[in-house]
Amino acid sequence: MQINPLEVVQFISGSFVPMNEMCERAGLSERQIYDRTKVVFEYFNLLFDAVPAHW
């Protein structure tokens, strides 16, 4: 079975806003949210080249 990476990104991208909101409510810092997002991308073997904001 082959999965199109673009389809995966489109599928999971709709979940990032609610995930970020839940993380903020849970008291996670922006860096922790960034790290969690990076892990999601890595799990699906997707390129994650976003540069973290300066904290």
Protein backbone atom coordinates (compact mmCIF):
# COMPACT_ATOMS: atom_id res chain seq x y z
CA MET A 1 0.00 0.00 0.00
CA GLN A 2 1.35 3.41 -0.93
CA ILE A 3 0.26 6.60 0.71
CA ASN A 4 0.50 9.92 -1.04
CA PRO A 5 2.33 12.30 1.33
CA LEU A 6 0.29 15.25 0.08
CA GLU A 7 -2.93 13.46 0.99
CA VAL A 8 -1.57 12.74 4.46
CA VAL A 9 -0.65 16.40 4.95
CA GLN A 10 -4.10 17.48 3.80
CA PHE A 11 -5.72 14.97 6.15
CA ILE A 12 -3.77 15.89 9.27
CA SER A 13 -3.55 19.62 8.61
CA GLY A 14 -7.17 20.07 9.62
CA SER A 15 -6.30 18.75 13.07
CA PHE A 16 -3.48 21.13 13.88
CA VAL A 17 -5.60 24.10 14.93
CA PRO A 18 -7.65 22.05 17.42
CA MET A 19 -4.47 20.29 18.58
CA ASN A 20 -2.75 23.63 19.18
CA GLU A 21 -5.78 24.94 21.07
CA MET A 22 -5.84 21.84 23.28
CA CYS A 23 -2.10 22.15 23.91
CA GLU A 24 -2.47 25.82 24.86
CA ARG A 25 -5.31 24.99 27.25
CA ALA A 26 -3.13 22.27 28.77
CA GLY A 27 -0.45 24.88 29.43
CA LEU A 28 2.11 23.74 26.84
CA SER A 29 4.57 26.35 25.69
CA GLU A 30 4.96 27.33 22.04
CA ARG A 31 8.16 25.27 21.95
CA GLN A 32 6.36 22.21 23.27
CA ILE A 33 3.63 22.65 20.65
CA TYR A 34 6.31 23.02 17.95
CA ASP A 35 8.02 19.84 19.16
CA ARG A 36 4.74 17.92 19.18
CA THR A 37 3.92 19.08 15.65
CA LYS A 38 7.38 18.01 14.49
CA VAL A 39 6.84 14.54 15.95
CA VAL A 40 3.56 14.19 14.04
CA PHE A 41 5.28 15.05 10.77
CA GLU A 42 8.15 12.66 11.51
CA TYR A 43 5.71 9.87 12.36
CA PHE A 44 4.28 10.11 8.85
CA ASN A 45 7.77 10.51 7.32
CA LEU A 46 6.93 14.02 6.13
CA LEU A 47 9.39 16.85 5.72
CA PHE A 48 9.30 19.31 8.59
CA ASP A 49 11.48 22.28 7.84
CA ALA A 50 9.74 24.94 9.89
CA VAL A 51 12.08 27.05 11.95
CA PRO A 52 11.00 27.46 15.56
CA ALA A 53 10.20 30.95 16.70
CA HIS A 54 12.66 32.58 19.05
CA TRP A 55 11.53 32.16 22.63
